[in-house]
Amino acid sequence: MRLSRRCFLAACMLLPAACATRRGTDGQEATVFDPKYLAKSDIDRVVDLSRELVMAALKRIADKLYRRNPREWKKTRHAGREAALTALLHYREHAPASLAGQTEGEAALQAFDPGYADDRVAALMYGLLTMTDAAYEHKDEFFVLDSLDAQKFYNCARNMEIAIWKLAAAQDAAGKPLIYSNEIDGGRQNLSFEREFGGVIMLLDYIANILADRNGRAITRVTHSLAASIFLPVGILK
């Protein structure tokens, strides 16, 4: 009897979190029961929010890169920058033709190959978007029984650092950036790209540490020179 009472009280405490506000056909708001929230832990909600924030930041980065590098989207069949961005954000449905069959790291590296003739922004962001999606196990929402790997988030965060370095360092034969990002305007540096990437790195590391603590598994940390870096595996980790 005592155990049943405790279970009942626990269920009552969870009920408010399992309710959501819906607007009816008459325009009036009402609170309705949504049972899926009973299957969510606090960590699941944090992971949900982190994914939303990370993907929104990557979308802003892609848009900024296309604004700074209009020559890249003009290499595509798309009529304008917004159309190219929309196509890129449908990365789950299709890859850019020149990147089909490549892993996320291989795709991202193409952006910094001087001989690559196609859209460099699409190559880089397709790689970063797909590796981030892989870290989140290609899911948009998370529940108690979902399994996530802290190592994937850690590797993904390091890949963002590698992307920042390569954006700043990769140049063509004439010494010009392969992809323009941060700039000096009137003697002042515009570091908006680094700020956006910094936020993504912080969130990915935060989730990696939460998961490592919850799962009781240590993260394998890597130390290597950015100058010789390739992107770390994410989607192919087991």
Protein backbone atom coordinates (compact mmCIF):
# COMPACT_ATOMS: atom_id res chain seq x y z
CA MET A 1 0.00 0.00 0.00
CA ARG A 2 2.82 2.41 0.92
CA LEU A 3 4.64 1.78 -2.39
CA SER A 4 1.45 2.33 -4.37
CA ARG A 5 0.89 5.62 -2.55
CA ARG A 6 4.41 6.77 -3.42
CA CYS A 7 3.94 5.87 -7.07
CA PHE A 8 0.64 7.74 -7.14
CA LEU A 9 2.22 10.84 -5.60
CA ALA A 10 5.13 10.69 -8.07
CA ALA A 11 2.71 10.44 -10.97
CA CYS A 12 0.77 13.45 -9.66
CA MET A 13 4.00 15.47 -9.50
CA LEU A 14 4.79 14.59 -13.12
CA LEU A 15 1.34 15.44 -14.46
CA PRO A 16 1.88 19.22 -14.73
CA ALA A 17 4.99 18.65 -16.84
CA ALA A 18 2.98 16.30 -19.05
CA CYS A 19 0.41 18.95 -19.89
CA ALA A 20 0.56 21.42 -22.71
CA THR A 21 -1.48 24.44 -23.75
CA ARG A 22 -3.48 24.07 -26.95
CA ARG A 23 -5.74 26.58 -28.73
CA GLY A 24 -9.11 25.16 -29.71
CA THR A 25 -11.21 25.90 -32.80
CA ASP A 26 -13.05 28.56 -30.80
CA GLY A 27 -9.78 30.41 -30.23
CA GLN A 28 -9.73 29.63 -26.50
CA GLU A 29 -6.63 28.16 -24.87
CA ALA A 30 -6.95 24.98 -22.83
CA THR A 31 -4.50 22.76 -20.97
CA VAL A 32 -4.47 19.22 -22.31
CA PHE A 33 -2.64 16.08 -21.23
CA ASP A 34 0.29 15.06 -23.43
CA PRO A 35 1.55 11.63 -22.28
CA LYS A 36 4.84 11.81 -24.17
CA TYR A 37 6.24 14.20 -21.56
CA LEU A 38 6.04 11.47 -18.93
CA ALA A 39 8.79 9.72 -20.90
CA LYS A 40 11.13 12.74 -20.74
CA SER A 41 13.75 13.36 -18.08
CA ASP A 42 15.23 16.77 -17.28
CA ILE A 43 18.30 15.78 -19.30
CA ASP A 44 16.10 14.94 -22.29
CA ARG A 45 14.62 18.43 -22.17
CA VAL A 46 18.10 19.97 -21.97
CA VAL A 47 19.23 17.90 -24.98
CA ASP A 48 16.09 18.95 -26.91
CA LEU A 49 16.86 22.61 -26.30
CA SER A 50 20.56 22.23 -27.08
CA ARG A 51 19.78 20.66 -30.44
CA GLU A 52 17.41 23.48 -31.31
CA LEU A 53 20.00 26.11 -30.36
CA VAL A 54 22.92 24.38 -32.11
CA MET A 55 21.04 23.88 -35.36
CA ALA A 56 19.79 27.47 -35.31
CA ALA A 57 23.37 28.70 -34.85
CA LEU A 58 24.65 26.55 -37.72
CA LYS A 59 21.88 27.95 -39.92
CA ARG A 60 23.00 31.48 -39.05
CA ILE A 61 26.61 30.56 -39.82
CA ALA A 62 25.61 29.15 -43.21
CA ASP A 63 23.62 32.29 -44.01
CA LYS A 64 26.52 34.54 -42.95
CA LEU A 65 28.96 32.55 -45.08
CA TYR A 66 26.73 32.82 -48.12
CA ARG A 67 26.43 36.59 -47.56
CA ARG A 68 30.22 36.91 -47.34
CA ASN A 69 30.81 34.52 -50.25
CA PRO A 70 28.10 35.07 -52.90
CA ARG A 71 30.37 33.51 -55.50
CA GLU A 72 29.76 30.13 -53.82
CA TRP A 73 25.98 29.95 -54.11
CA LYS A 74 26.30 31.32 -57.64
CA LYS A 75 28.13 28.10 -58.54
CA THR A 76 24.88 26.19 -57.93
CA ARG A 77 21.66 25.85 -59.90
CA HIS A 78 19.79 27.91 -57.30
CA ALA A 79 18.29 31.26 -58.22
CA GLY A 80 19.56 33.06 -55.13
CA ARG A 81 21.19 32.89 -51.71
CA GLU A 82 18.00 32.01 -49.83
CA ALA A 83 17.22 29.16 -52.22
CA ALA A 84 20.74 27.78 -51.81
CA LEU A 85 20.43 28.03 -48.02
CA THR A 86 17.05 26.28 -48.04
CA ALA A 87 18.46 23.43 -50.13
CA LEU A 88 21.43 23.10 -47.78
CA LEU A 89 19.16 22.87 -44.73
CA HIS A 90 17.42 19.86 -46.30
CA TYR A 91 20.63 17.90 -45.76
CA ARG A 92 18.73 14.82 -44.57
CA GLU A 93 16.90 14.45 -47.86
CA HIS A 94 19.82 14.90 -50.21
CA ALA A 95 23.50 15.78 -50.34
CA PRO A 96 25.03 18.20 -52.83
CA ALA A 97 25.77 16.16 -55.94
CA SER A 98 29.54 16.57 -55.63
CA LEU A 99 29.46 15.23 -52.04
CA ALA A 100 27.28 12.15 -52.51
CA GLY A 101 28.66 9.10 -50.73
CA GLN A 102 31.17 11.04 -48.61
CA THR A 103 31.30 11.01 -44.83
CA GLU A 104 30.59 14.26 -43.01
CA GLY A 105 34.30 14.90 -42.37
CA GLU A 106 35.27 14.20 -45.97
CA ALA A 107 32.58 16.59 -47.18
CA ALA A 108 33.72 19.38 -44.86
CA LEU A 109 37.35 18.98 -45.96
CA GLN A 110 36.37 19.53 -49.59
CA ALA A 111 35.60 23.15 -48.71
CA PHE A 112 39.31 23.73 -48.06
CA ASP A 113 40.69 21.87 -51.06
CA PRO A 114 42.11 24.48 -53.49
CA GLY A 115 41.07 22.28 -56.39
CA TYR A 116 37.42 21.97 -55.34
CA ALA A 117 35.28 23.68 -57.98
CA ASP A 118 31.82 23.49 -56.44
CA ASP A 119 30.08 25.40 -53.64
CA ARG A 120 32.56 25.53 -50.73
CA VAL A 121 30.00 26.87 -48.24
CA ALA A 122 27.67 23.99 -49.02
CA ALA A 123 30.52 21.48 -48.59
CA LEU A 124 31.58 22.85 -45.22
CA MET A 125 28.10 23.34 -43.79
CA TYR A 126 26.77 20.04 -45.15
CA GLY A 127 29.64 18.34 -43.33
CA LEU A 128 29.04 20.24 -40.07
CA LEU A 129 25.26 19.82 -40.18
CA THR A 130 25.40 16.08 -40.86
CA MET A 131 28.03 15.41 -38.18
CA THR A 132 25.97 17.38 -35.65
CA ASP A 133 22.84 15.50 -36.69
CA ALA A 134 24.79 12.26 -36.21
CA ALA A 135 25.81 13.30 -32.69
CA TYR A 136 22.11 13.69 -31.91
CA GLU A 137 21.50 10.26 -33.50
CA HIS A 138 19.47 11.86 -36.32
CA LYS A 139 16.60 12.62 -33.94
CA ASP A 140 14.71 15.85 -33.31
CA GLU A 141 13.38 14.96 -29.86
CA PHE A 142 14.65 12.79 -27.01
CA PHE A 143 13.08 10.56 -24.38
CA VAL A 144 14.20 8.53 -21.37
CA LEU A 145 15.07 5.38 -23.31
CA ASP A 146 17.05 7.19 -26.03
CA SER A 147 20.80 6.53 -25.96
CA LEU A 148 23.32 9.25 -26.78
CA ASP A 149 27.11 8.98 -26.95
CA ALA A 150 29.15 11.65 -25.14
CA GLN A 151 32.17 10.95 -27.38
CA LYS A 152 30.22 11.99 -30.47
CA PHE A 153 29.40 15.37 -28.94
CA TYR A 154 33.01 15.86 -27.84
CA ASN A 155 34.33 15.02 -31.33
CA CYS A 156 31.74 17.29 -32.91
CA ALA A 157 32.83 20.19 -30.68
CA ARG A 158 36.48 19.69 -31.67
CA ASN A 159 35.44 19.64 -35.33
CA MET A 160 33.87 23.07 -34.89
CA GLU A 161 37.23 24.30 -33.58
CA ILE A 162 38.95 22.80 -36.61
CA ALA A 163 36.43 24.53 -38.90
CA ILE A 164 37.17 27.91 -37.29
CA TRP A 165 40.91 27.44 -37.80
CA LYS A 166 40.57 26.29 -41.39
CA LEU A 167 38.27 29.21 -42.26
CA ALA A 168 40.97 31.58 -41.03
CA ALA A 169 43.95 29.75 -42.53
CA ALA A 170 42.93 28.13 -45.84
CA GLN A 171 44.05 30.25 -48.82
CA ASP A 172 44.30 29.93 -52.57
CA ALA A 173 47.48 30.28 -54.62
CA ALA A 174 47.12 34.08 -54.58
CA GLY A 175 46.98 34.17 -50.80
CA LYS A 176 43.25 34.95 -50.62
CA PRO A 177 40.88 33.05 -48.27
CA LEU A 178 39.14 30.10 -49.87
CA ILE A 179 36.09 31.11 -47.81
CA TYR A 180 35.74 34.60 -46.36
CA SER A 181 34.54 34.70 -42.75
CA ASN A 182 35.79 37.13 -40.06
CA GLU A 183 36.93 40.50 -41.39
CA ILE A 184 38.65 43.70 -40.35
CA ASP A 185 36.34 46.68 -40.75
CA GLY A 186 37.75 50.15 -40.14
CA GLY A 187 40.62 48.74 -38.13
CA ARG A 188 38.30 46.69 -35.96
CA GLN A 189 37.89 42.94 -36.22
CA ASN A 190 34.43 41.50 -36.86
CA LEU A 191 34.50 38.16 -35.06
CA SER A 192 30.83 37.24 -35.47
CA PHE A 193 31.69 33.84 -36.92
CA GLU A 194 33.90 32.95 -33.99
CA ARG A 195 31.17 33.99 -31.56
CA GLU A 196 28.60 31.81 -33.31
CA PHE A 197 30.96 28.84 -33.42
CA GLY A 198 31.93 29.48 -29.79
CA GLY A 199 28.32 29.13 -28.70
CA VAL A 200 27.96 25.86 -30.62
CA ILE A 201 31.17 24.47 -29.08
CA MET A 202 30.04 25.42 -25.58
CA LEU A 203 26.69 23.66 -26.00
CA LEU A 204 28.20 20.51 -27.52
CA ASP A 205 30.80 20.25 -24.74
CA TYR A 206 28.09 20.83 -22.13
CA ILE A 207 25.99 17.95 -23.47
CA ALA A 208 29.10 15.75 -23.78
CA ASN A 209 29.91 16.29 -20.09
CA ILE A 210 26.32 15.70 -18.97
CA LEU A 211 26.14 12.43 -20.90
CA ALA A 212 29.55 11.25 -19.71
CA ASP A 213 28.46 11.85 -16.11
CA ARG A 214 25.10 10.14 -16.59
CA ASN A 215 26.51 7.14 -18.44
CA GLY A 216 29.60 6.76 -16.26
CA ARG A 217 31.88 6.63 -19.30
CA ALA A 218 34.99 8.75 -19.75
CA ILE A 219 35.48 10.83 -22.87
CA THR A 220 38.61 10.13 -24.90
CA ARG A 221 40.17 13.55 -25.26
CA VAL A 222 42.48 14.29 -28.19
CA THR A 223 45.42 16.64 -28.52
CA HIS A 224 46.70 17.44 -31.97
CA SER A 225 47.91 20.32 -34.10
CA LEU A 226 45.11 22.19 -35.82
CA ALA A 227 47.43 22.85 -38.75
CA ALA A 228 47.43 19.15 -39.62
CA SER A 229 43.89 18.41 -38.49
CA ILE A 230 41.31 16.33 -40.21
CA PHE A 231 37.77 16.24 -38.89
CA LEU A 232 37.20 13.66 -36.17
CA PRO A 233 34.68 10.87 -36.81
CA VAL A 234 31.17 11.31 -35.43
CA GLY A 235 28.58 9.37 -37.40
CA ILE A 236 30.74 6.25 -37.77
CA LEU A 237 31.48 5.91 -34.05
CA LYS A 238 30.01 2.82 -32.42
